[in-house]
């Protein structure tokens, strides 16, 4: 699906959301080299450009943009939180202690195109990846397909201007009747215009289609634990050997196996350009706590055209007269399922 052109207000809204997320992330200052330590231990040579491929506490693995080699770096104080996909400036350290295996220090963060965040155990938004082209929303028959969670991911992707792609994994576990039922449930998203890929890491079904969609982009896989994100990455990149978790028979929920986000490069025979993906910790619920109620409608792309037809500027789309959404619903131009999902998300947001 081609990228949609944004008007000025949409561009402003996206930038506003990204700036707010970045400001919250920067409140959590990372431990690193002080200005004095930085000035005394850094070479005066030309700074290097790089991209964060992994983050371990106060140290990071940086891929140098010129040589493509991986360099273990410390973080200069007061830069803030960095995540996979961040583009940075790094410099070589003088007399780096061998036991630390630290060869350089990150001295600056380049502007981000976008950032993906998820709530941590305290409910605060925690950035997990930056500068993403595509968000692959991975689902599967078990754990049970959850359209409400899919819709939340779609809202997050749309408001961050990231291309969403739906992946229904583990299709090898389905008999024909079961697959038909799931295809009907997920077809609503294809009708809206979102790409859908049916895959099986075990049988390799759909992997060519997945590679074609990944080609030349930086992508991130998200979804409930147990849907097979790590299995798909292992199928695409066997040398990664990412730990895979089974689904609990008691709860039908997956176990968390990915504790650290990491960026991987894939040898893609379908594309000469570099293909990359980020494996992020699985989440069972995706909170949209960093947006307000009025932003939600802009995450439902098929509803947006009809809000212009509402008589009242502050229309809540519940029982107001001359409501464009209610009229579109009566005329079957939008689905009841997505309309109800929009209201559930709005109701779940405090402000």
C-alpha atoms as a PDB file:
ATOM      1  CA  UNK A   1       0.000   0.000   0.000  1.00  0.00           C
ATOM      2  CA  UNK A   2       1.461   3.371  -1.006  1.00  0.00           C
ATOM      3  CA  UNK A   3       2.151   5.924   1.676  1.00  0.00           C
ATOM      4  CA  UNK A   4      -0.660   8.450   2.060  1.00  0.00           C
ATOM      5  CA  UNK A   5       0.101  12.139   1.643  1.00  0.00           C
ATOM      6  CA  UNK A   6      -0.356  14.095   4.856  1.00  0.00           C
ATOM      7  CA  UNK A   7      -1.815  17.562   5.147  1.00  0.00           C
ATOM      8  CA  UNK A   8      -0.180  20.164   7.378  1.00  0.00           C
ATOM      9  CA  UNK A   9      -2.386  19.426  10.368  1.00  0.00           C
ATOM     10  CA  UNK A  10      -1.662  15.690  10.178  1.00  0.00           C
ATOM     11  CA  UNK A  11       2.085  16.383   9.909  1.00  0.00           C
ATOM     12  CA  UNK A  12       1.860  18.713  12.914  1.00  0.00           C
ATOM     13  CA  UNK A  13      -0.064  16.114  14.945  1.00  0.00           C
ATOM     14  CA  UNK A  14       2.457  13.372  14.176  1.00  0.00           C
ATOM     15  CA  UNK A  15       5.372  15.642  15.083  1.00  0.00           C
ATOM     16  CA  UNK A  16       3.615  16.697  18.301  1.00  0.00           C
ATOM     17  CA  UNK A  17       3.113  13.089  19.399  1.00  0.00           C
ATOM     18  CA  UNK A  18       6.721  12.201  18.566  1.00  0.00           C
ATOM     19  CA  UNK A  19       8.073  15.243  20.426  1.00  0.00           C
ATOM     20  CA  UNK A  20       6.014  14.375  23.504  1.00  0.00           C
ATOM     21  CA  UNK A  21       7.260  10.770  23.450  1.00  0.00           C
ATOM     22  CA  UNK A  22      10.858  11.918  23.049  1.00  0.00           C
ATOM     23  CA  UNK A  23      10.495  14.393  25.914  1.00  0.00           C
ATOM     24  CA  UNK A  24       9.150  11.658  28.206  1.00  0.00           C
ATOM     25  CA  UNK A  25      11.964   9.313  27.217  1.00  0.00           C
ATOM     26  CA  UNK A  26      14.591  11.972  27.862  1.00  0.00           C
ATOM     27  CA  UNK A  27      13.378  12.425  31.443  1.00  0.00           C
ATOM     28  CA  UNK A  28      14.971   9.075  32.214  1.00  0.00           C
ATOM     29  CA  UNK A  29      18.607  10.070  31.912  1.00  0.00           C
ATOM     30  CA  UNK A  30      20.944   7.213  31.088  1.00  0.00           C
ATOM     31  CA  UNK A  31      24.186   6.761  33.015  1.00  0.00           C
ATOM     32  CA  UNK A  32      27.188   7.521  30.873  1.00  0.00           C
ATOM     33  CA  UNK A  33      30.383   9.500  30.543  1.00  0.00           C
ATOM     34  CA  UNK A  34      30.396  12.961  32.059  1.00  0.00           C
ATOM     35  CA  UNK A  35      31.560  15.906  29.946  1.00  0.00           C
ATOM     36  CA  UNK A  36      34.964  15.794  31.675  1.00  0.00           C
ATOM     37  CA  UNK A  37      35.378  12.055  31.048  1.00  0.00           C
ATOM     38  CA  UNK A  38      34.215  12.488  27.466  1.00  0.00           C
ATOM     39  CA  UNK A  39      36.691  15.266  26.718  1.00  0.00           C
ATOM     40  CA  UNK A  40      39.658  13.389  28.193  1.00  0.00           C
ATOM     41  CA  UNK A  41      38.968   9.940  26.678  1.00  0.00           C
ATOM     42  CA  UNK A  42      37.701  10.669  23.170  1.00  0.00           C
ATOM     43  CA  UNK A  43      39.915  10.946  20.116  1.00  0.00           C
ATOM     44  CA  UNK A  44      39.886  14.263  18.274  1.00  0.00           C
ATOM     45  CA  UNK A  45      39.301  12.425  14.990  1.00  0.00           C
ATOM     46  CA  UNK A  46      36.237  12.929  12.814  1.00  0.00           C
ATOM     47  CA  UNK A  47      33.061  11.604  14.489  1.00  0.00           C
ATOM     48  CA  UNK A  48      31.420   8.527  12.956  1.00  0.00           C
ATOM     49  CA  UNK A  49      27.793   7.928  12.056  1.00  0.00           C
ATOM     50  CA  UNK A  50      26.104   4.746  13.206  1.00  0.00           C
ATOM     51  CA  UNK A  51      22.865   3.031  14.132  1.00  0.00           C
ATOM     52  CA  UNK A  52      21.941   1.371  17.428  1.00  0.00           C
ATOM     53  CA  UNK A  53      21.549  -2.393  16.914  1.00  0.00           C
ATOM     54  CA  UNK A  54      21.235  -3.371  20.580  1.00  0.00           C
ATOM     55  CA  UNK A  55      21.160  -1.797  24.027  1.00  0.00           C
ATOM     56  CA  UNK A  56      22.512  -3.333  27.260  1.00  0.00           C
ATOM     57  CA  UNK A  57      21.932  -0.962  30.165  1.00  0.00           C
ATOM     58  CA  UNK A  58      24.412   1.902  29.817  1.00  0.00           C
ATOM     59  CA  UNK A  59      26.248   0.300  26.867  1.00  0.00           C
ATOM     60  CA  UNK A  60      25.155  -0.073  23.279  1.00  0.00           C
ATOM     61  CA  UNK A  61      26.169  -1.979  20.169  1.00  0.00           C
ATOM     62  CA  UNK A  62      26.547   0.507  17.320  1.00  0.00           C
ATOM     63  CA  UNK A  63      26.851  -0.471  13.666  1.00  0.00           C
ATOM     64  CA  UNK A  64      29.205   1.949  11.939  1.00  0.00           C
ATOM     65  CA  UNK A  65      27.483   3.360   8.845  1.00  0.00           C
ATOM     66  CA  UNK A  66      30.656   3.267   6.746  1.00  0.00           C
ATOM     67  CA  UNK A  67      32.307  -0.047   7.676  1.00  0.00           C
ATOM     68  CA  UNK A  68      29.181  -1.931   8.890  1.00  0.00           C
ATOM     69  CA  UNK A  69      31.256  -3.230  11.824  1.00  0.00           C
ATOM     70  CA  UNK A  70      29.766  -3.484  15.319  1.00  0.00           C
ATOM     71  CA  UNK A  71      31.295  -1.276  18.015  1.00  0.00           C
ATOM     72  CA  UNK A  72      30.518  -1.555  21.738  1.00  0.00           C
ATOM     73  CA  UNK A  73      29.953   1.985  23.015  1.00  0.00           C
ATOM     74  CA  UNK A  74      29.274   3.790  26.252  1.00  0.00           C
ATOM     75  CA  UNK A  75      26.758   6.612  26.354  1.00  0.00           C
ATOM     76  CA  UNK A  76      27.604  10.235  26.967  1.00  0.00           C
ATOM     77  CA  UNK A  77      25.682  11.709  29.890  1.00  0.00           C
ATOM     78  CA  UNK A  78      22.464  13.654  29.309  1.00  0.00           C
ATOM     79  CA  UNK A  79      21.726  12.263  25.832  1.00  0.00           C
ATOM     80  CA  UNK A  80      18.708  10.372  27.144  1.00  0.00           C
ATOM     81  CA  UNK A  81      17.287   6.953  26.308  1.00  0.00           C
ATOM     82  CA  UNK A  82      18.440   5.353  23.060  1.00  0.00           C
ATOM     83  CA  UNK A  83      16.744   2.425  21.311  1.00  0.00           C
ATOM     84  CA  UNK A  84      17.269   0.120  18.344  1.00  0.00           C
ATOM     85  CA  UNK A  85      17.109   2.017  15.091  1.00  0.00           C
ATOM     86  CA  UNK A  86      18.377   5.290  16.545  1.00  0.00           C
ATOM     87  CA  UNK A  87      20.876   7.068  14.309  1.00  0.00           C
ATOM     88  CA  UNK A  88      23.779   8.379  16.368  1.00  0.00           C
ATOM     89  CA  UNK A  89      27.189  10.015  16.264  1.00  0.00           C
ATOM     90  CA  UNK A  90      29.925   8.024  18.007  1.00  0.00           C
ATOM     91  CA  UNK A  91      33.640   8.572  18.636  1.00  0.00           C
ATOM     92  CA  UNK A  92      36.555   6.298  19.551  1.00  0.00           C
ATOM     93  CA  UNK A  93      37.734   6.184  23.179  1.00  0.00           C
ATOM     94  CA  UNK A  94      41.364   6.635  24.197  1.00  0.00           C
ATOM     95  CA  UNK A  95      42.787   3.807  26.355  1.00  0.00           C
ATOM     96  CA  UNK A  96      39.562   1.843  26.443  1.00  0.00           C
ATOM     97  CA  UNK A  97      39.881  -0.842  29.180  1.00  0.00           C
ATOM     98  CA  UNK A  98      39.995  -4.322  27.638  1.00  0.00           C
ATOM     99  CA  UNK A  99      37.790  -5.800  30.328  1.00  0.00           C
ATOM    100  CA  UNK A 100      35.012  -3.348  29.488  1.00  0.00           C
ATOM    101  CA  UNK A 101      35.197  -4.180  25.779  1.00  0.00           C
ATOM    102  CA  UNK A 102      34.112  -0.589  25.161  1.00  0.00           C
ATOM    103  CA  UNK A 103      35.664   0.926  22.073  1.00  0.00           C
ATOM    104  CA  UNK A 104      33.767   4.186  21.747  1.00  0.00           C
ATOM    105  CA  UNK A 105      31.169   6.554  23.121  1.00  0.00           C
ATOM    106  CA  UNK A 106      27.910   7.831  21.672  1.00  0.00           C
ATOM    107  CA  UNK A 107      28.149  11.616  21.664  1.00  0.00           C
ATOM    108  CA  UNK A 108      24.925  12.668  19.926  1.00  0.00           C
ATOM    109  CA  UNK A 109      21.504  11.458  18.803  1.00  0.00           C
ATOM    110  CA  UNK A 110      20.319  12.413  15.331  1.00  0.00           C
ATOM    111  CA  UNK A 111      16.672  13.520  14.838  1.00  0.00           C
ATOM    112  CA  UNK A 112      14.195  10.642  14.801  1.00  0.00           C
ATOM    113  CA  UNK A 113      11.664  10.081  12.029  1.00  0.00           C
ATOM    114  CA  UNK A 114       9.387   8.246  14.471  1.00  0.00           C
ATOM    115  CA  UNK A 115       9.470   6.206  17.661  1.00  0.00           C
ATOM    116  CA  UNK A 116       7.510   3.191  18.891  1.00  0.00           C
ATOM    117  CA  UNK A 117       6.853   2.925  22.626  1.00  0.00           C
ATOM    118  CA  UNK A 118       5.080   0.507  24.955  1.00  0.00           C
ATOM    119  CA  UNK A 119       4.100   0.714  28.640  1.00  0.00           C
ATOM    120  CA  UNK A 120       6.545  -0.714  31.185  1.00  0.00           C
ATOM    121  CA  UNK A 121       5.574  -2.436  34.440  1.00  0.00           C
ATOM    122  CA  UNK A 122       4.859   0.940  36.075  1.00  0.00           C
ATOM    123  CA  UNK A 123       2.567   2.049  33.268  1.00  0.00           C
ATOM    124  CA  UNK A 124       5.046   4.593  31.915  1.00  0.00           C
ATOM    125  CA  UNK A 125       5.704   4.692  28.180  1.00  0.00           C
ATOM    126  CA  UNK A 126       9.046   3.128  27.292  1.00  0.00           C
ATOM    127  CA  UNK A 127      10.550   3.607  23.799  1.00  0.00           C
ATOM    128  CA  UNK A 128      11.523   0.312  22.124  1.00  0.00           C
ATOM    129  CA  UNK A 129      12.445   1.210  18.535  1.00  0.00           C
ATOM    130  CA  UNK A 130      13.011   4.249  16.311  1.00  0.00           C
ATOM    131  CA  UNK A 131      13.134   5.229  12.630  1.00  0.00           C
ATOM    132  CA  UNK A 132      10.850   2.378  11.585  1.00  0.00           C
ATOM    133  CA  UNK A 133       9.404   1.973   8.095  1.00  0.00           C
ATOM    134  CA  UNK A 134       6.956  -0.847   8.821  1.00  0.00           C
ATOM    135  CA  UNK A 135       5.129  -2.314  11.810  1.00  0.00           C
ATOM    136  CA  UNK A 136       4.409  -6.038  11.350  1.00  0.00           C
ATOM    137  CA  UNK A 137       1.478  -6.941  13.602  1.00  0.00           C
ATOM    138  CA  UNK A 138       1.876 -10.688  14.125  1.00  0.00           C
ATOM    139  CA  UNK A 139      -1.178 -12.715  15.136  1.00  0.00           C
ATOM    140  CA  UNK A 140      -1.955 -16.418  15.251  1.00  0.00           C
ATOM    141  CA  UNK A 141      -4.843 -18.830  15.965  1.00  0.00           C
ATOM    142  CA  UNK A 142      -3.371 -19.476  19.430  1.00  0.00           C
ATOM    143  CA  UNK A 143      -3.242 -17.195  21.397  1.00  0.00           C
ATOM    144  CA  UNK A 144      -6.755 -16.304  20.225  1.00  0.00           C
ATOM    145  CA  UNK A 145      -6.959 -13.684  17.486  1.00  0.00           C
ATOM    146  CA  UNK A 146      -7.620 -10.337  19.183  1.00  0.00           C
ATOM    147  CA  UNK A 147      -9.052  -7.660  16.883  1.00  0.00           C
ATOM    148  CA  UNK A 148      -9.096  -5.097  19.688  1.00  0.00           C
ATOM    149  CA  UNK A 149      -5.339  -5.434  20.136  1.00  0.00           C
ATOM    150  CA  UNK A 150      -4.825  -5.271  16.368  1.00  0.00           C
ATOM    151  CA  UNK A 151      -6.798  -2.021  16.260  1.00  0.00           C
ATOM    152  CA  UNK A 152      -4.645  -0.511  19.002  1.00  0.00           C
ATOM    153  CA  UNK A 153      -1.483  -1.370  17.096  1.00  0.00           C
ATOM    154  CA  UNK A 154      -2.996   0.148  13.954  1.00  0.00           C
ATOM    155  CA  UNK A 155      -3.812   3.382  15.781  1.00  0.00           C
ATOM    156  CA  UNK A 156      -0.260   3.554  17.134  1.00  0.00           C
ATOM    157  CA  UNK A 157       1.170   2.937  13.657  1.00  0.00           C
ATOM    158  CA  UNK A 158      -1.056   5.491  11.930  1.00  0.00           C
ATOM    159  CA  UNK A 159      -0.347   8.228  14.482  1.00  0.00           C
ATOM    160  CA  UNK A 160       3.396   7.560  14.147  1.00  0.00           C
ATOM    161  CA  UNK A 161       3.193   7.447  10.332  1.00  0.00           C
ATOM    162  CA  UNK A 162       4.516   3.871  10.212  1.00  0.00           C
ATOM    163  CA  UNK A 163       3.217   1.461   7.544  1.00  0.00           C
ATOM    164  CA  UNK A 164       1.273  -1.370   9.282  1.00  0.00           C
ATOM    165  CA  UNK A 165       1.293  -4.921   7.899  1.00  0.00           C
ATOM    166  CA  UNK A 166      -0.788  -7.763   9.356  1.00  0.00           C
ATOM    167  CA  UNK A 167       0.700 -11.250   9.614  1.00  0.00           C
ATOM    168  CA  UNK A 168      -1.417 -14.305  10.453  1.00  0.00           C
ATOM    169  CA  UNK A 169       1.155 -16.862  11.550  1.00  0.00           C
ATOM    170  CA  UNK A 170       0.949 -20.597  12.325  1.00  0.00           C
ATOM    171  CA  UNK A 171      -1.440 -21.315   9.454  1.00  0.00           C
ATOM    172  CA  UNK A 172      -0.032 -24.860   9.338  1.00  0.00           C
ATOM    173  CA  UNK A 173      -2.013 -25.591  12.526  1.00  0.00           C
ATOM    174  CA  UNK A 174      -5.357 -24.874  10.836  1.00  0.00           C
ATOM    175  CA  UNK A 175      -7.710 -27.159   8.963  1.00  0.00           C
ATOM    176  CA  UNK A 176      -9.462 -25.656   5.936  1.00  0.00           C
ATOM    177  CA  UNK A 177     -12.629 -24.705   7.846  1.00  0.00           C
ATOM    178  CA  UNK A 178     -10.684 -22.982  10.648  1.00  0.00           C
ATOM    179  CA  UNK A 179      -8.567 -21.017   8.176  1.00  0.00           C
ATOM    180  CA  UNK A 180     -11.685 -19.884   6.308  1.00  0.00           C
ATOM    181  CA  UNK A 181     -13.192 -18.540   9.536  1.00  0.00           C
ATOM    182  CA  UNK A 182     -10.026 -16.637  10.450  1.00  0.00           C
ATOM    183  CA  UNK A 183      -9.639 -15.250   6.937  1.00  0.00           C
ATOM    184  CA  UNK A 184     -13.177 -13.858   7.135  1.00  0.00           C
ATOM    185  CA  UNK A 185     -12.413 -12.246  10.498  1.00  0.00           C
ATOM    186  CA  UNK A 186      -9.226 -10.607   9.280  1.00  0.00           C
ATOM    187  CA  UNK A 187     -10.564  -9.681   5.825  1.00  0.00           C
ATOM    188  CA  UNK A 188     -11.991  -6.466   7.262  1.00  0.00           C
ATOM    189  CA  UNK A 189      -8.465  -5.075   7.439  1.00  0.00           C
ATOM    190  CA  UNK A 190      -7.697  -6.021   3.851  1.00  0.00           C
ATOM    191  CA  UNK A 191     -10.867  -4.196   2.760  1.00  0.00           C
ATOM    192  CA  UNK A 192      -9.584  -1.069   4.480  1.00  0.00           C
ATOM    193  CA  UNK A 193      -6.299  -1.366   2.591  1.00  0.00           C
ATOM    194  CA  UNK A 194      -3.834  -2.997   4.966  1.00  0.00           C
ATOM    195  CA  UNK A 195      -1.527  -5.736   3.578  1.00  0.00           C
ATOM    196  CA  UNK A 196      -2.123  -9.200   5.068  1.00  0.00           C
ATOM    197  CA  UNK A 197       0.393 -12.039   4.892  1.00  0.00           C
ATOM    198  CA  UNK A 198      -0.370 -15.648   5.888  1.00  0.00           C
ATOM    199  CA  UNK A 199       2.717 -17.453   7.184  1.00  0.00           C
ATOM    200  CA  UNK A 200       4.077 -20.519   8.919  1.00  0.00           C
ATOM    201  CA  UNK A 201       7.618 -20.529  10.252  1.00  0.00           C
ATOM    202  CA  UNK A 202       7.370 -24.318  10.588  1.00  0.00           C
ATOM    203  CA  UNK A 203       6.176 -25.165   7.060  1.00  0.00           C
ATOM    204  CA  UNK A 204       7.743 -22.060   5.420  1.00  0.00           C
ATOM    205  CA  UNK A 205       4.381 -21.114   3.877  1.00  0.00           C
ATOM    206  CA  UNK A 206       4.197 -17.439   2.981  1.00  0.00           C
ATOM    207  CA  UNK A 207       7.871 -16.708   3.678  1.00  0.00           C
ATOM    208  CA  UNK A 208       8.475 -15.445   0.134  1.00  0.00           C
ATOM    209  CA  UNK A 209       5.606 -12.981   0.522  1.00  0.00           C
ATOM    210  CA  UNK A 210       7.036 -11.916   3.875  1.00  0.00           C
ATOM    211  CA  UNK A 211      10.483 -11.309   2.371  1.00  0.00           C
ATOM    212  CA  UNK A 212       8.928  -9.281  -0.433  1.00  0.00           C
ATOM    213  CA  UNK A 213       7.168  -7.024   2.073  1.00  0.00           C
ATOM    214  CA  UNK A 214      10.318  -6.661   4.199  1.00  0.00           C
ATOM    215  CA  UNK A 215      12.531  -5.776   1.222  1.00  0.00           C
ATOM    216  CA  UNK A 216      14.673  -2.672   1.647  1.00  0.00           C
ATOM    217  CA  UNK A 217      12.933  -1.478   4.846  1.00  0.00           C
ATOM    218  CA  UNK A 218      13.508  -1.338   8.592  1.00  0.00           C
ATOM    219  CA  UNK A 219      10.641  -3.230  10.177  1.00  0.00           C
ATOM    220  CA  UNK A 220       9.596  -4.229  13.671  1.00  0.00           C
ATOM    221  CA  UNK A 221       7.537  -7.266  14.690  1.00  0.00           C
ATOM    222  CA  UNK A 222       4.959  -6.711  17.430  1.00  0.00           C
ATOM    223  CA  UNK A 223       2.184  -8.831  18.873  1.00  0.00           C
ATOM    224  CA  UNK A 224       1.163 -10.962  21.830  1.00  0.00           C
ATOM    225  CA  UNK A 225       3.676 -13.338  23.316  1.00  0.00           C
ATOM    226  CA  UNK A 226       3.366 -16.775  21.732  1.00  0.00           C
ATOM    227  CA  UNK A 227       2.222 -15.697  18.264  1.00  0.00           C
ATOM    228  CA  UNK A 228       5.580 -16.718  16.779  1.00  0.00           C
ATOM    229  CA  UNK A 229       7.544 -13.500  16.254  1.00  0.00           C
ATOM    230  CA  UNK A 230      10.832 -15.120  17.241  1.00  0.00           C
ATOM    231  CA  UNK A 231      10.032 -18.232  15.195  1.00  0.00           C
ATOM    232  CA  UNK A 232       9.512 -16.083  12.102  1.00  0.00           C
ATOM    233  CA  UNK A 233      12.792 -14.249  12.671  1.00  0.00           C
ATOM    234  CA  UNK A 234      14.628 -17.549  13.147  1.00  0.00           C
ATOM    235  CA  UNK A 235      13.138 -18.746   9.848  1.00  0.00           C
ATOM    236  CA  UNK A 236      14.300 -15.558   8.136  1.00  0.00           C
ATOM    237  CA  UNK A 237      17.635 -15.422   9.940  1.00  0.00           C
ATOM    238  CA  UNK A 238      18.640 -18.855  11.314  1.00  0.00           C
ATOM    239  CA  UNK A 239      21.973 -17.597  12.668  1.00  0.00           C
ATOM    240  CA  UNK A 240      20.142 -15.323  15.116  1.00  0.00           C
ATOM    241  CA  UNK A 241      18.975 -18.363  17.134  1.00  0.00           C
ATOM    242  CA  UNK A 242      16.404 -16.378  19.098  1.00  0.00           C
ATOM    243  CA  UNK A 243      14.869 -18.281  21.991  1.00  0.00           C
ATOM    244  CA  UNK A 244      11.307 -19.387  21.258  1.00  0.00           C
ATOM    245  CA  UNK A 245       8.594 -19.863  23.872  1.00  0.00           C
ATOM    246  CA  UNK A 246       5.616 -22.201  23.934  1.00  0.00           C
ATOM    247  CA  UNK A 247       2.014 -21.179  24.552  1.00  0.00           C
ATOM    248  CA  UNK A 248       0.654 -22.130  27.968  1.00  0.00           C
ATOM    249  CA  UNK A 249      -2.088 -24.755  27.705  1.00  0.00           C
ATOM    250  CA  UNK A 250      -3.677 -23.374  30.864  1.00  0.00           C
ATOM    251  CA  UNK A 251      -3.951 -19.738  29.759  1.00  0.00           C
ATOM    252  CA  UNK A 252      -3.529 -19.903  25.955  1.00  0.00           C
ATOM    253  CA  UNK A 253      -0.998 -17.106  26.367  1.00  0.00           C
ATOM    254  CA  UNK A 254       2.611 -17.072  25.323  1.00  0.00           C
ATOM    255  CA  UNK A 255       5.681 -16.841  27.509  1.00  0.00           C
ATOM    256  CA  UNK A 256       8.004 -13.885  27.115  1.00  0.00           C
ATOM    257  CA  UNK A 257      11.233 -14.976  25.415  1.00  0.00           C
ATOM    258  CA  UNK A 258      12.701 -11.723  24.069  1.00  0.00           C
ATOM    259  CA  UNK A 259      14.076  -9.504  26.848  1.00  0.00           C
ATOM    260  CA  UNK A 260      16.284  -7.158  24.795  1.00  0.00           C
ATOM    261  CA  UNK A 261      15.393  -5.471  21.525  1.00  0.00           C
ATOM    262  CA  UNK A 262      17.836  -6.067  18.685  1.00  0.00           C
ATOM    263  CA  UNK A 263      18.155  -4.999  15.052  1.00  0.00           C
ATOM    264  CA  UNK A 264      19.019  -7.724  12.534  1.00  0.00           C
ATOM    265  CA  UNK A 265      19.972  -7.558   8.853  1.00  0.00           C
ATOM    266  CA  UNK A 266      18.505 -10.141   6.478  1.00  0.00           C
ATOM    267  CA  UNK A 267      20.088 -11.434   3.294  1.00  0.00           C
ATOM    268  CA  UNK A 268      17.076 -10.865   1.081  1.00  0.00           C
ATOM    269  CA  UNK A 269      17.349 -12.491  -2.373  1.00  0.00           C
ATOM    270  CA  UNK A 270      14.405 -10.378  -3.534  1.00  0.00           C
ATOM    271  CA  UNK A 271      16.109  -7.055  -2.918  1.00  0.00           C
ATOM    272  CA  UNK A 272      19.571  -5.544  -3.356  1.00  0.00           C
ATOM    273  CA  UNK A 273      18.902  -2.929  -0.676  1.00  0.00           C
ATOM    274  CA  UNK A 274      19.570  -3.637   2.995  1.00  0.00           C
ATOM    275  CA  UNK A 275      16.637  -5.339   4.696  1.00  0.00           C
ATOM    276  CA  UNK A 276      16.462  -4.991   8.476  1.00  0.00           C
ATOM    277  CA  UNK A 277      14.099  -5.888  11.274  1.00  0.00           C
ATOM    278  CA  UNK A 278      13.886  -5.254  14.984  1.00  0.00           C
ATOM    279  CA  UNK A 279      12.784  -7.928  17.440  1.00  0.00           C
ATOM    280  CA  UNK A 280      11.120  -6.279  20.444  1.00  0.00           C
ATOM    281  CA  UNK A 281       9.826  -7.700  23.734  1.00  0.00           C
ATOM    282  CA  UNK A 282       6.338  -9.181  23.358  1.00  0.00           C
ATOM    283  CA  UNK A 283       3.383  -7.428  24.926  1.00  0.00           C
ATOM    284  CA  UNK A 284      -0.012  -8.870  25.792  1.00  0.00           C
ATOM    285  CA  UNK A 285      -1.688  -5.480  25.969  1.00  0.00           C
ATOM    286  CA  UNK A 286      -0.789  -2.334  24.090  1.00  0.00           C
ATOM    287  CA  UNK A 287      -1.669   0.864  25.951  1.00  0.00           C
ATOM    288  CA  UNK A 288      -2.412   4.055  24.059  1.00  0.00           C
ATOM    289  CA  UNK A 289      -1.935   6.142  27.160  1.00  0.00           C
ATOM    290  CA  UNK A 290       0.223   8.779  25.514  1.00  0.00           C
ATOM    291  CA  UNK A 291      -2.493  10.136  23.214  1.00  0.00           C
ATOM    292  CA  UNK A 292      -5.764  11.931  23.851  1.00  0.00           C
ATOM    293  CA  UNK A 293      -9.290  10.956  22.865  1.00  0.00           C
ATOM    294  CA  UNK A 294      -9.443  13.279  19.866  1.00  0.00           C
ATOM    295  CA  UNK A 295      -6.367  11.663  18.289  1.00  0.00           C
ATOM    296  CA  UNK A 296      -7.892   8.164  18.175  1.00  0.00           C
ATOM    297  CA  UNK A 297     -10.134   8.865  15.171  1.00  0.00           C
ATOM    298  CA  UNK A 298      -7.027   9.613  13.091  1.00  0.00           C
ATOM    299  CA  UNK A 299      -5.872   6.033  13.680  1.00  0.00           C
ATOM    300  CA  UNK A 300      -9.016   4.669  11.995  1.00  0.00           C
ATOM    301  CA  UNK A 301      -8.299   5.583   8.400  1.00  0.00           C
ATOM    302  CA  UNK A 302     -11.668   4.501   7.008  1.00  0.00           C
ATOM    303  CA  UNK A 303     -13.609   6.615   9.548  1.00  0.00           C
ATOM    304  CA  UNK A 304     -11.750   9.862   8.931  1.00  0.00           C
ATOM    305  CA  UNK A 305     -13.566  10.942   5.721  1.00  0.00           C
ATOM    306  CA  UNK A 306     -16.947  10.892   7.484  1.00  0.00           C
ATOM    307  CA  UNK A 307     -16.096  13.058  10.491  1.00  0.00           C
ATOM    308  CA  UNK A 308     -16.040  16.016   8.104  1.00  0.00           C
ATOM    309  CA  UNK A 309     -19.775  15.477   7.613  1.00  0.00           C
ATOM    310  CA  UNK A 310     -20.586  15.828  11.334  1.00  0.00           C
ATOM    311  CA  UNK A 311     -22.745  18.870  12.096  1.00  0.00           C
ATOM    312  CA  UNK A 312     -21.047  19.527  15.456  1.00  0.00           C
ATOM    313  CA  UNK A 313     -17.313  20.153  15.683  1.00  0.00           C
ATOM    314  CA  UNK A 314     -17.137  18.324  19.046  1.00  0.00           C
ATOM    315  CA  UNK A 315     -19.339  15.428  17.927  1.00  0.00           C
ATOM    316  CA  UNK A 316     -18.800  12.296  20.043  1.00  0.00           C
ATOM    317  CA  UNK A 317     -20.378  10.038  17.382  1.00  0.00           C
ATOM    318  CA  UNK A 318     -22.748   8.452  19.904  1.00  0.00           C
ATOM    319  CA  UNK A 319     -26.280   9.821  19.390  1.00  0.00           C
ATOM    320  CA  UNK A 320     -25.733  13.354  18.092  1.00  0.00           C
ATOM    321  CA  UNK A 321     -27.944  14.546  15.227  1.00  0.00           C
ATOM    322  CA  UNK A 322     -26.364  14.819  11.777  1.00  0.00           C
ATOM    323  CA  UNK A 323     -23.333  12.721  12.773  1.00  0.00           C
ATOM    324  CA  UNK A 324     -21.298  11.732   9.741  1.00  0.00           C
ATOM    325  CA  UNK A 325     -20.081   8.475  11.314  1.00  0.00           C
ATOM    326  CA  UNK A 326     -23.542   7.341  12.391  1.00  0.00           C
ATOM    327  CA  UNK A 327     -24.871   8.100   8.923  1.00  0.00           C
ATOM    328  CA  UNK A 328     -22.006   6.127   7.307  1.00  0.00           C
ATOM    329  CA  UNK A 329     -22.733   3.250   9.702  1.00  0.00           C
ATOM    330  CA  UNK A 330     -26.422   3.211   8.742  1.00  0.00           C
ATOM    331  CA  UNK A 331     -25.450   3.189   5.075  1.00  0.00           C
ATOM    332  CA  UNK A 332     -22.987   0.287   5.664  1.00  0.00           C
ATOM    333  CA  UNK A 333     -20.046   2.380   4.492  1.00  0.00           C
ATOM    334  CA  UNK A 334     -18.099   1.515   7.664  1.00  0.00           C
ATOM    335  CA  UNK A 335     -18.183  -1.657   9.747  1.00  0.00           C
ATOM    336  CA  UNK A 336     -19.946  -1.954  13.081  1.00  0.00           C
ATOM    337  CA  UNK A 337     -16.945  -3.885  14.434  1.00  0.00           C
ATOM    338  CA  UNK A 338     -14.431  -1.114  13.765  1.00  0.00           C
ATOM    339  CA  UNK A 339     -16.898   1.588  14.876  1.00  0.00           C
ATOM    340  CA  UNK A 340     -17.367  -0.208  18.216  1.00  0.00           C
ATOM    341  CA  UNK A 341     -13.607  -0.725  18.535  1.00  0.00           C
ATOM    342  CA  UNK A 342     -13.053   3.015  18.063  1.00  0.00           C
ATOM    343  CA  UNK A 343     -15.441   3.769  20.942  1.00  0.00           C
ATOM    344  CA  UNK A 344     -13.858   1.139  23.208  1.00  0.00           C
ATOM    345  CA  UNK A 345     -10.434   2.692  22.699  1.00  0.00           C
ATOM    346  CA  UNK A 346     -11.743   6.206  23.301  1.00  0.00           C
ATOM    347  CA  UNK A 347     -13.509   5.056  26.489  1.00  0.00           C
ATOM    348  CA  UNK A 348     -10.299   3.400  27.746  1.00  0.00           C
ATOM    349  CA  UNK A 349      -8.377   6.696  27.564  1.00  0.00           C
ATOM    350  CA  UNK A 350      -8.607   8.823  30.704  1.00  0.00           C
ATOM    351  CA  UNK A 351      -8.157  12.211  29.036  1.00  0.00           C
END
